[in-house]
Amino acid sequence: MTATSSISEQTLKLCDTHSHISFKQFDGDRDRIISQLKDGQIEFIIEVGIDLESSKRAVELATRFNRIFAAVGIHPHESAKALPEYLDDFRDLFANDTVVAIGEIGLDYFRNLSPKELQKKAFIEQLALAQELNLPVVVHIRDAYNDAYEILKKFGGGLRGVIHAFSGTKADAKNFIELGFKLGIGGPLTYPKNNELREIVRKFPLEYFLPETDCPYLPPQKYRGKRNEPLYVRFIEETIAEIKGISLIHCGAVLCENAVKLFRLKI
């Protein structure tokens, strides 16, 4: 898929750059979700791991089904549980060409389910591995934007990736964009009180955003209180298009092309 061809085609492009359909919440209807890929309702999905076991499941799904790609990593909540040899285990997974990123990794000081120092250690180790393997990173940040930015900045532009479920300020957005990162935009964009995120989407060019659901979490306003799923990314793309004053067709094409380029997807 090229930027020219995707934008010129008069069909809506929906893609979910951050899903967890391997989680138990989808055990009852995972086949239905996957069928939406097969019949073209969704262009592609990036299935994201949060620990070794979920990363293995992500790779298994990506291996079995076309247009599913995998990201593997240790979530900050899981940092304290990571075994000493976890990086070696991940290296084995990287041998599979369906793995397109390291993630979800980062810092989460809101819940502090792992000590901050262990979160930072795992974050830095996985960033170094991403730099070594020339893979993008999927970064989770909550109540830790300053620390995460300082850590990423120390890599001196040697990384690329996305700040997943971006919830920072306009200044944070500018900082990460200047480091070469995209901003992951999901369901919270549609929440009535989230004016700051809508202003960020309005302010920065479309090329800096990726559409994502984080399903089964963070559903759009229409489905708040219910399970999220990949097809609901449509509500994200519709909201971005409305904010930008552009057609939904054009918006979806550019957003999906942003992901194709960042993750170097072979579609």
C-alpha atoms as a PDB file:
ATOM      1  CA  MET A   1       0.000   0.000   0.000  1.00  0.00           C
ATOM      2  CA  THR A   2       1.348   3.389  -0.953  1.00  0.00           C
ATOM      3  CA  ALA A   3       0.230   6.787   0.233  1.00  0.00           C
ATOM      4  CA  THR A   4      -0.945   7.704  -3.267  1.00  0.00           C
ATOM      5  CA  SER A   5      -2.937   4.568  -3.929  1.00  0.00           C
ATOM      6  CA  SER A   6      -4.523   4.348  -0.474  1.00  0.00           C
ATOM      7  CA  ILE A   7      -5.721   7.938  -0.459  1.00  0.00           C
ATOM      8  CA  SER A   8      -7.065   7.788  -4.009  1.00  0.00           C
ATOM      9  CA  GLU A   9      -9.170   4.682  -3.395  1.00  0.00           C
ATOM     10  CA  GLN A  10     -12.717   5.703  -2.472  1.00  0.00           C
ATOM     11  CA  THR A  11     -13.151   3.200   0.338  1.00  0.00           C
ATOM     12  CA  LEU A  12     -12.893   3.775   4.060  1.00  0.00           C
ATOM     13  CA  LYS A  13      -9.699   2.461   5.654  1.00  0.00           C
ATOM     14  CA  LEU A  14     -10.057   1.284   9.236  1.00  0.00           C
ATOM     15  CA  CYS A  15      -7.052  -0.030  11.127  1.00  0.00           C
ATOM     16  CA  ASP A  16      -6.453  -0.718  14.798  1.00  0.00           C
ATOM     17  CA  THR A  17      -2.849  -0.139  15.832  1.00  0.00           C
ATOM     18  CA  HIS A  18      -3.317  -1.334  19.421  1.00  0.00           C
ATOM     19  CA  SER A  19      -5.575  -4.255  20.308  1.00  0.00           C
ATOM     20  CA  HIS A  20      -5.668  -7.081  22.822  1.00  0.00           C
ATOM     21  CA  ILE A  21      -8.020  -9.561  21.152  1.00  0.00           C
ATOM     22  CA  SER A  22      -5.977 -12.443  22.555  1.00  0.00           C
ATOM     23  CA  PHE A  23      -7.264 -11.494  26.030  1.00  0.00           C
ATOM     24  CA  LYS A  24      -9.963 -13.586  27.725  1.00  0.00           C
ATOM     25  CA  GLN A  25     -12.613 -10.933  27.068  1.00  0.00           C
ATOM     26  CA  PHE A  26     -12.672 -12.135  23.441  1.00  0.00           C
ATOM     27  CA  ASP A  27     -12.756 -15.876  24.106  1.00  0.00           C
ATOM     28  CA  GLY A  28     -16.429 -16.021  23.153  1.00  0.00           C
ATOM     29  CA  ASP A  29     -16.282 -14.238  19.804  1.00  0.00           C
ATOM     30  CA  ARG A  30     -12.673 -13.896  18.670  1.00  0.00           C
ATOM     31  CA  ASP A  31     -13.506 -15.624  15.390  1.00  0.00           C
ATOM     32  CA  ARG A  32     -16.069 -12.912  14.634  1.00  0.00           C
ATOM     33  CA  ILE A  33     -13.423 -10.222  15.124  1.00  0.00           C
ATOM     34  CA  ILE A  34     -10.979 -12.050  12.883  1.00  0.00           C
ATOM     35  CA  SER A  35     -13.660 -12.481  10.206  1.00  0.00           C
ATOM     36  CA  GLN A  36     -13.872  -8.688   9.976  1.00  0.00           C
ATOM     37  CA  LEU A  37     -10.277  -8.716   8.786  1.00  0.00           C
ATOM     38  CA  LYS A  38     -10.965 -11.435   6.273  1.00  0.00           C
ATOM     39  CA  ASP A  39     -13.922  -9.619   4.705  1.00  0.00           C
ATOM     40  CA  GLY A  40     -12.130  -6.278   4.584  1.00  0.00           C
ATOM     41  CA  GLN A  41     -14.020  -4.349   7.248  1.00  0.00           C
ATOM     42  CA  ILE A  42     -10.671  -3.720   8.956  1.00  0.00           C
ATOM     43  CA  GLU A  43      -7.410  -3.294   7.048  1.00  0.00           C
ATOM     44  CA  PHE A  44      -5.124  -4.664   9.759  1.00  0.00           C
ATOM     45  CA  ILE A  45      -4.681  -5.058  13.509  1.00  0.00           C
ATOM     46  CA  ILE A  46      -1.573  -4.827  15.656  1.00  0.00           C
ATOM     47  CA  GLU A  47      -1.990  -7.211  18.577  1.00  0.00           C
ATOM     48  CA  VAL A  48       0.012  -6.014  21.579  1.00  0.00           C
ATOM     49  CA  GLY A  49       1.479  -8.085  24.396  1.00  0.00           C
ATOM     50  CA  ILE A  50       1.903  -6.974  28.005  1.00  0.00           C
ATOM     51  CA  ASP A  51       4.033  -9.844  29.293  1.00  0.00           C
ATOM     52  CA  LEU A  52       5.711 -12.955  27.913  1.00  0.00           C
ATOM     53  CA  GLU A  53       2.566 -15.094  27.778  1.00  0.00           C
ATOM     54  CA  SER A  54       0.365 -12.485  26.094  1.00  0.00           C
ATOM     55  CA  SER A  55       3.223 -11.676  23.720  1.00  0.00           C
ATOM     56  CA  LYS A  56       3.377 -15.331  22.719  1.00  0.00           C
ATOM     57  CA  ARG A  57      -0.377 -15.292  22.101  1.00  0.00           C
ATOM     58  CA  ALA A  58       0.003 -12.154  19.981  1.00  0.00           C
ATOM     59  CA  VAL A  59       2.642 -13.842  17.837  1.00  0.00           C
ATOM     60  CA  GLU A  60       0.499 -16.970  17.527  1.00  0.00           C
ATOM     61  CA  LEU A  61      -2.469 -14.937  16.277  1.00  0.00           C
ATOM     62  CA  ALA A  62      -0.285 -12.996  13.857  1.00  0.00           C
ATOM     63  CA  THR A  63       1.219 -16.221  12.538  1.00  0.00           C
ATOM     64  CA  ARG A  64      -2.176 -17.819  11.946  1.00  0.00           C
ATOM     65  CA  PHE A  65      -4.036 -14.917  10.383  1.00  0.00           C
ATOM     66  CA  ASN A  66      -3.179 -12.477   7.637  1.00  0.00           C
ATOM     67  CA  ARG A  67      -3.316  -8.769   8.482  1.00  0.00           C
ATOM     68  CA  ILE A  68      -2.653  -9.335  12.176  1.00  0.00           C
ATOM     69  CA  PHE A  69       0.776  -8.194  13.333  1.00  0.00           C
ATOM     70  CA  ALA A  70       2.341  -8.529  16.769  1.00  0.00           C
ATOM     71  CA  ALA A  71       4.094  -6.312  19.283  1.00  0.00           C
ATOM     72  CA  VAL A  72       5.824  -8.019  22.196  1.00  0.00           C
ATOM     73  CA  GLY A  73       6.936  -6.499  25.469  1.00  0.00           C
ATOM     74  CA  ILE A  74       6.673  -6.127  29.230  1.00  0.00           C
ATOM     75  CA  HIS A  75       4.074  -3.606  30.412  1.00  0.00           C
ATOM     76  CA  PRO A  76       5.178  -1.398  33.331  1.00  0.00           C
ATOM     77  CA  HIS A  77       2.618  -3.124  35.566  1.00  0.00           C
ATOM     78  CA  GLU A  78       4.397  -6.422  34.887  1.00  0.00           C
ATOM     79  CA  SER A  79       7.961  -5.147  35.353  1.00  0.00           C
ATOM     80  CA  ALA A  80       8.400  -6.651  38.827  1.00  0.00           C
ATOM     81  CA  LYS A  81       7.375 -10.078  37.524  1.00  0.00           C
ATOM     82  CA  ALA A  82       9.834 -10.148  34.631  1.00  0.00           C
ATOM     83  CA  LEU A  83      12.327 -12.988  34.946  1.00  0.00           C
ATOM     84  CA  PRO A  84      16.046 -12.239  34.491  1.00  0.00           C
ATOM     85  CA  GLU A  85      16.076 -14.013  31.125  1.00  0.00           C
ATOM     86  CA  TYR A  86      13.022 -12.233  29.682  1.00  0.00           C
ATOM     87  CA  LEU A  87      15.028 -10.423  26.999  1.00  0.00           C
ATOM     88  CA  ASP A  88      16.340 -13.738  25.683  1.00  0.00           C
ATOM     89  CA  ASP A  89      12.783 -15.062  25.539  1.00  0.00           C
ATOM     90  CA  PHE A  90      11.732 -12.036  23.515  1.00  0.00           C
ATOM     91  CA  ARG A  91      14.653 -12.444  21.138  1.00  0.00           C
ATOM     92  CA  ASP A  92      13.245 -15.844  20.219  1.00  0.00           C
ATOM     93  CA  LEU A  93       9.903 -14.222  19.360  1.00  0.00           C
ATOM     94  CA  PHE A  94      11.589 -11.617  17.157  1.00  0.00           C
ATOM     95  CA  ALA A  95      12.647 -14.402  14.818  1.00  0.00           C
ATOM     96  CA  ASN A  96       9.029 -14.386  13.610  1.00  0.00           C
ATOM     97  CA  ASP A  97       8.558 -11.798  10.874  1.00  0.00           C
ATOM     98  CA  THR A  98       5.032 -10.981  12.084  1.00  0.00           C
ATOM     99  CA  VAL A  99       6.580  -9.114  15.052  1.00  0.00           C
ATOM    100  CA  VAL A 100       6.706  -5.452  14.058  1.00  0.00           C
ATOM    101  CA  ALA A 101       7.312  -3.637  17.361  1.00  0.00           C
ATOM    102  CA  ILE A 102       8.379  -3.866  20.989  1.00  0.00           C
ATOM    103  CA  GLY A 103       5.532  -3.016  23.320  1.00  0.00           C
ATOM    104  CA  GLU A 104       3.686  -2.310  25.269  1.00  0.00           C
ATOM    105  CA  ILE A 105       6.433  -0.877  27.446  1.00  0.00           C
ATOM    106  CA  GLY A 106       6.789   2.279  29.517  1.00  0.00           C
ATOM    107  CA  LEU A 107       6.018   3.846  32.884  1.00  0.00           C
ATOM    108  CA  ASP A 108       2.808   3.924  34.918  1.00  0.00           C
ATOM    109  CA  TYR A 109       2.943   5.894  38.166  1.00  0.00           C
ATOM    110  CA  PHE A 110      -0.845   6.055  38.521  1.00  0.00           C
ATOM    111  CA  ARG A 111      -1.209   2.539  39.863  1.00  0.00           C
ATOM    112  CA  ASN A 112       2.425   1.755  40.663  1.00  0.00           C
ATOM    113  CA  LEU A 113       1.787  -1.981  40.410  1.00  0.00           C
ATOM    114  CA  SER A 114       5.558  -2.359  40.032  1.00  0.00           C
ATOM    115  CA  PRO A 115       8.145  -0.196  41.817  1.00  0.00           C
ATOM    116  CA  LYS A 116       9.205   2.833  39.803  1.00  0.00           C
ATOM    117  CA  GLU A 117      12.843   1.748  39.622  1.00  0.00           C
ATOM    118  CA  LEU A 118      11.896  -1.653  38.211  1.00  0.00           C
ATOM    119  CA  GLN A 119       9.603   0.029  35.700  1.00  0.00           C
ATOM    120  CA  LYS A 120      12.452   2.272  34.562  1.00  0.00           C
ATOM    121  CA  LYS A 121      14.875  -0.653  34.369  1.00  0.00           C
ATOM    122  CA  ALA A 122      12.571  -2.743  32.166  1.00  0.00           C
ATOM    123  CA  PHE A 123      11.685   0.296  30.048  1.00  0.00           C
ATOM    124  CA  ILE A 124      15.317   1.187  29.369  1.00  0.00           C
ATOM    125  CA  GLU A 125      16.295  -2.425  28.671  1.00  0.00           C
ATOM    126  CA  GLN A 126      13.520  -2.835  26.123  1.00  0.00           C
ATOM    127  CA  LEU A 127      14.251   0.518  24.496  1.00  0.00           C
ATOM    128  CA  ALA A 128      17.868  -0.545  24.084  1.00  0.00           C
ATOM    129  CA  LEU A 129      16.726  -3.798  22.496  1.00  0.00           C
ATOM    130  CA  ALA A 130      14.442  -1.899  20.125  1.00  0.00           C
ATOM    131  CA  GLN A 131      17.346   0.320  19.115  1.00  0.00           C
ATOM    132  CA  GLU A 132      19.556  -2.711  18.550  1.00  0.00           C
ATOM    133  CA  LEU A 133      16.923  -4.471  16.413  1.00  0.00           C
ATOM    134  CA  ASN A 134      15.735  -1.282  14.675  1.00  0.00           C
ATOM    135  CA  LEU A 135      12.144  -1.879  15.768  1.00  0.00           C
ATOM    136  CA  PRO A 136       9.588   0.767  16.757  1.00  0.00           C
ATOM    137  CA  VAL A 137       8.270   0.867  20.308  1.00  0.00           C
ATOM    138  CA  VAL A 138       4.727   1.090  21.678  1.00  0.00           C
ATOM    139  CA  VAL A 139       5.011   3.229  24.812  1.00  0.00           C
ATOM    140  CA  HIS A 140       2.511   3.259  27.686  1.00  0.00           C
ATOM    141  CA  ILE A 141       2.708   6.360  29.903  1.00  0.00           C
ATOM    142  CA  ARG A 142       0.430   7.326  32.768  1.00  0.00           C
ATOM    143  CA  ASP A 143       1.272  10.050  35.275  1.00  0.00           C
ATOM    144  CA  ALA A 144       4.902   9.718  34.180  1.00  0.00           C
ATOM    145  CA  TYR A 145       5.278  11.904  31.100  1.00  0.00           C
ATOM    146  CA  ASN A 146       8.332  13.813  32.307  1.00  0.00           C
ATOM    147  CA  ASP A 147      10.307  10.715  33.303  1.00  0.00           C
ATOM    148  CA  ALA A 148       9.363   8.873  30.112  1.00  0.00           C
ATOM    149  CA  TYR A 149      10.358  11.840  27.971  1.00  0.00           C
ATOM    150  CA  GLU A 150      13.742  12.193  29.690  1.00  0.00           C
ATOM    151  CA  ILE A 151      14.465   8.488  29.187  1.00  0.00           C
ATOM    152  CA  LEU A 152      13.473   8.555  25.513  1.00  0.00           C
ATOM    153  CA  LYS A 153      15.457  11.739  24.934  1.00  0.00           C
ATOM    154  CA  LYS A 154      18.630  10.036  26.174  1.00  0.00           C
ATOM    155  CA  PHE A 155      18.459   7.672  23.214  1.00  0.00           C
ATOM    156  CA  GLY A 156      19.233  10.674  21.022  1.00  0.00           C
ATOM    157  CA  GLY A 157      16.748  10.121  18.225  1.00  0.00           C
ATOM    158  CA  GLY A 158      17.737   6.485  17.831  1.00  0.00           C
ATOM    159  CA  LEU A 159      14.180   5.298  18.352  1.00  0.00           C
ATOM    160  CA  ARG A 160      10.823   5.575  16.622  1.00  0.00           C
ATOM    161  CA  GLY A 161       7.408   4.578  17.836  1.00  0.00           C
ATOM    162  CA  VAL A 162       4.063   5.650  19.245  1.00  0.00           C
ATOM    163  CA  ILE A 163       2.962   7.079  22.571  1.00  0.00           C
ATOM    164  CA  HIS A 164       0.002   4.805  23.161  1.00  0.00           C
ATOM    165  CA  ALA A 165      -3.294   6.237  24.466  1.00  0.00           C
ATOM    166  CA  PHE A 166      -1.788   9.703  24.581  1.00  0.00           C
ATOM    167  CA  SER A 167      -3.217  11.742  27.469  1.00  0.00           C
ATOM    168  CA  GLY A 168      -0.582  14.417  28.007  1.00  0.00           C
ATOM    169  CA  THR A 169      -0.578  18.163  27.450  1.00  0.00           C
ATOM    170  CA  LYS A 170       0.085  20.100  24.262  1.00  0.00           C
ATOM    171  CA  ALA A 171       3.639  20.633  25.517  1.00  0.00           C
ATOM    172  CA  ASP A 172       4.032  16.863  26.004  1.00  0.00           C
ATOM    173  CA  ALA A 173       2.693  16.247  22.510  1.00  0.00           C
ATOM    174  CA  LYS A 174       5.185  18.687  21.024  1.00  0.00           C
ATOM    175  CA  ASN A 175       8.068  17.102  22.957  1.00  0.00           C
ATOM    176  CA  PHE A 176       7.327  13.563  21.771  1.00  0.00           C
ATOM    177  CA  ILE A 177       6.623  14.622  18.205  1.00  0.00           C
ATOM    178  CA  GLU A 178       9.975  16.393  18.127  1.00  0.00           C
ATOM    179  CA  LEU A 179      11.595  13.123  19.228  1.00  0.00           C
ATOM    180  CA  GLY A 180      10.044  11.502  16.157  1.00  0.00           C
ATOM    181  CA  PHE A 181       7.135   9.725  17.864  1.00  0.00           C
ATOM    182  CA  LYS A 182       3.534   9.369  16.783  1.00  0.00           C
ATOM    183  CA  LEU A 183       0.625   9.836  19.191  1.00  0.00           C
ATOM    184  CA  GLY A 184      -1.879   7.000  19.615  1.00  0.00           C
ATOM    185  CA  ILE A 185      -5.454   8.331  19.650  1.00  0.00           C
ATOM    186  CA  GLY A 186      -8.291   6.176  20.934  1.00  0.00           C
ATOM    187  CA  GLY A 187     -11.712   6.207  22.555  1.00  0.00           C
ATOM    188  CA  PRO A 188     -11.033   9.028  25.051  1.00  0.00           C
ATOM    189  CA  LEU A 189     -10.979  11.470  22.115  1.00  0.00           C
ATOM    190  CA  THR A 190     -14.753  11.035  21.910  1.00  0.00           C
ATOM    191  CA  TYR A 191     -15.448  11.757  25.598  1.00  0.00           C
ATOM    192  CA  PRO A 192     -17.358  15.037  26.014  1.00  0.00           C
ATOM    193  CA  LYS A 193     -15.003  16.554  28.579  1.00  0.00           C
ATOM    194  CA  ASN A 194     -11.756  15.682  26.774  1.00  0.00           C
ATOM    195  CA  ASN A 195     -11.275  19.084  25.205  1.00  0.00           C
ATOM    196  CA  GLU A 196      -7.498  19.123  25.611  1.00  0.00           C
ATOM    197  CA  LEU A 197      -7.000  15.980  23.538  1.00  0.00           C
ATOM    198  CA  ARG A 198      -9.301  17.319  20.836  1.00  0.00           C
ATOM    199  CA  GLU A 199      -7.291  20.538  20.795  1.00  0.00           C
ATOM    200  CA  ILE A 200      -4.074  18.518  20.357  1.00  0.00           C
ATOM    201  CA  VAL A 201      -5.614  16.684  17.409  1.00  0.00           C
ATOM    202  CA  ARG A 202      -6.687  20.035  15.962  1.00  0.00           C
ATOM    203  CA  LYS A 203      -3.266  21.630  16.451  1.00  0.00           C
ATOM    204  CA  PHE A 204      -0.873  19.015  15.077  1.00  0.00           C
ATOM    205  CA  PRO A 205      -0.784  17.623  11.519  1.00  0.00           C
ATOM    206  CA  LEU A 206      -2.540  14.347  10.763  1.00  0.00           C
ATOM    207  CA  GLU A 207       0.767  12.631   9.990  1.00  0.00           C
ATOM    208  CA  TYR A 208       1.580  12.498  13.705  1.00  0.00           C
ATOM    209  CA  PHE A 209      -1.407  10.377  14.778  1.00  0.00           C
ATOM    210  CA  LEU A 210      -2.276   6.686  14.817  1.00  0.00           C
ATOM    211  CA  PRO A 211      -5.795   5.262  15.344  1.00  0.00           C
ATOM    212  CA  GLU A 212      -6.147   2.672  18.105  1.00  0.00           C
ATOM    213  CA  THR A 213      -8.752   1.094  20.362  1.00  0.00           C
ATOM    214  CA  ASP A 214      -6.791  -0.566  23.217  1.00  0.00           C
ATOM    215  CA  CYS A 215      -9.665  -3.051  23.161  1.00  0.00           C
ATOM    216  CA  PRO A 216     -11.160  -4.451  25.316  1.00  0.00           C
ATOM    217  CA  TYR A 217     -10.453  -1.208  27.186  1.00  0.00           C
ATOM    218  CA  LEU A 218     -11.186   2.506  26.548  1.00  0.00           C
ATOM    219  CA  PRO A 219     -14.313   2.210  24.379  1.00  0.00           C
ATOM    220  CA  PRO A 220     -15.577   5.301  22.525  1.00  0.00           C
ATOM    221  CA  GLN A 221     -18.359   7.360  24.057  1.00  0.00           C
ATOM    222  CA  LYS A 222     -21.117   5.409  22.314  1.00  0.00           C
ATOM    223  CA  TYR A 223     -20.011   2.187  24.027  1.00  0.00           C
ATOM    224  CA  ARG A 224     -18.728   3.473  27.374  1.00  0.00           C
ATOM    225  CA  GLY A 225     -19.188   0.841  30.061  1.00  0.00           C
ATOM    226  CA  LYS A 226     -19.032  -1.943  27.455  1.00  0.00           C
ATOM    227  CA  ARG A 227     -16.226  -3.953  25.903  1.00  0.00           C
ATOM    228  CA  ASN A 228     -14.273  -2.180  23.196  1.00  0.00           C
ATOM    229  CA  GLU A 229     -13.366  -3.930  19.944  1.00  0.00           C
ATOM    230  CA  PRO A 230     -11.307  -3.179  16.820  1.00  0.00           C
ATOM    231  CA  LEU A 231     -14.165  -2.113  14.544  1.00  0.00           C
ATOM    232  CA  TYR A 232     -14.976   0.747  16.949  1.00  0.00           C
ATOM    233  CA  VAL A 233     -11.860   2.484  15.637  1.00  0.00           C
ATOM    234  CA  ARG A 234     -14.296   3.969  13.132  1.00  0.00           C
ATOM    235  CA  PHE A 235     -15.545   6.346  15.839  1.00  0.00           C
ATOM    236  CA  ILE A 236     -11.977   7.539  16.414  1.00  0.00           C
ATOM    237  CA  GLU A 237     -11.391   8.192  12.731  1.00  0.00           C
ATOM    238  CA  GLU A 238     -14.760   9.944  12.399  1.00  0.00           C
ATOM    239  CA  THR A 239     -13.942  12.245  15.313  1.00  0.00           C
ATOM    240  CA  ILE A 240     -10.481  13.079  13.979  1.00  0.00           C
ATOM    241  CA  ALA A 241     -11.937  13.811  10.530  1.00  0.00           C
ATOM    242  CA  GLU A 242     -14.571  16.081  12.085  1.00  0.00           C
ATOM    243  CA  ILE A 243     -11.981  17.961  14.154  1.00  0.00           C
ATOM    244  CA  LYS A 244      -9.736  18.386  11.132  1.00  0.00           C
ATOM    245  CA  GLY A 245     -12.546  19.330   8.774  1.00  0.00           C
ATOM    246  CA  ILE A 246     -11.550  16.650   6.249  1.00  0.00           C
ATOM    247  CA  SER A 247     -13.324  13.717   4.643  1.00  0.00           C
ATOM    248  CA  LEU A 248     -13.494  10.458   6.544  1.00  0.00           C
ATOM    249  CA  ILE A 249     -12.100   8.627   3.510  1.00  0.00           C
ATOM    250  CA  HIS A 250      -9.009  10.827   3.404  1.00  0.00           C
ATOM    251  CA  CYS A 251      -8.567  10.740   7.168  1.00  0.00           C
ATOM    252  CA  GLY A 252      -8.711   6.944   7.376  1.00  0.00           C
ATOM    253  CA  ALA A 253      -6.306   6.513   4.490  1.00  0.00           C
ATOM    254  CA  VAL A 254      -3.693   8.834   6.001  1.00  0.00           C
ATOM    255  CA  LEU A 255      -3.988   7.371   9.491  1.00  0.00           C
ATOM    256  CA  CYS A 256      -3.561   3.807   8.258  1.00  0.00           C
ATOM    257  CA  GLU A 257      -0.690   4.840   6.017  1.00  0.00           C
ATOM    258  CA  ASN A 258       0.999   6.423   9.042  1.00  0.00           C
ATOM    259  CA  ALA A 259       0.903   3.012  10.714  1.00  0.00           C
ATOM    260  CA  VAL A 260       2.100   1.153   7.624  1.00  0.00           C
ATOM    261  CA  LYS A 261       5.140   3.416   7.452  1.00  0.00           C
ATOM    262  CA  LEU A 262       5.944   3.413  11.169  1.00  0.00           C
ATOM    263  CA  PHE A 263       5.692  -0.349  11.601  1.00  0.00           C
ATOM    264  CA  ARG A 264       6.961  -1.128   8.086  1.00  0.00           C
ATOM    265  CA  LEU A 265       4.026  -3.394   7.464  1.00  0.00           C
ATOM    266  CA  LYS A 266       3.921  -5.648   4.455  1.00  0.00           C
ATOM    267  CA  ILE A 267       0.262  -5.434   3.493  1.00  0.00           C
END
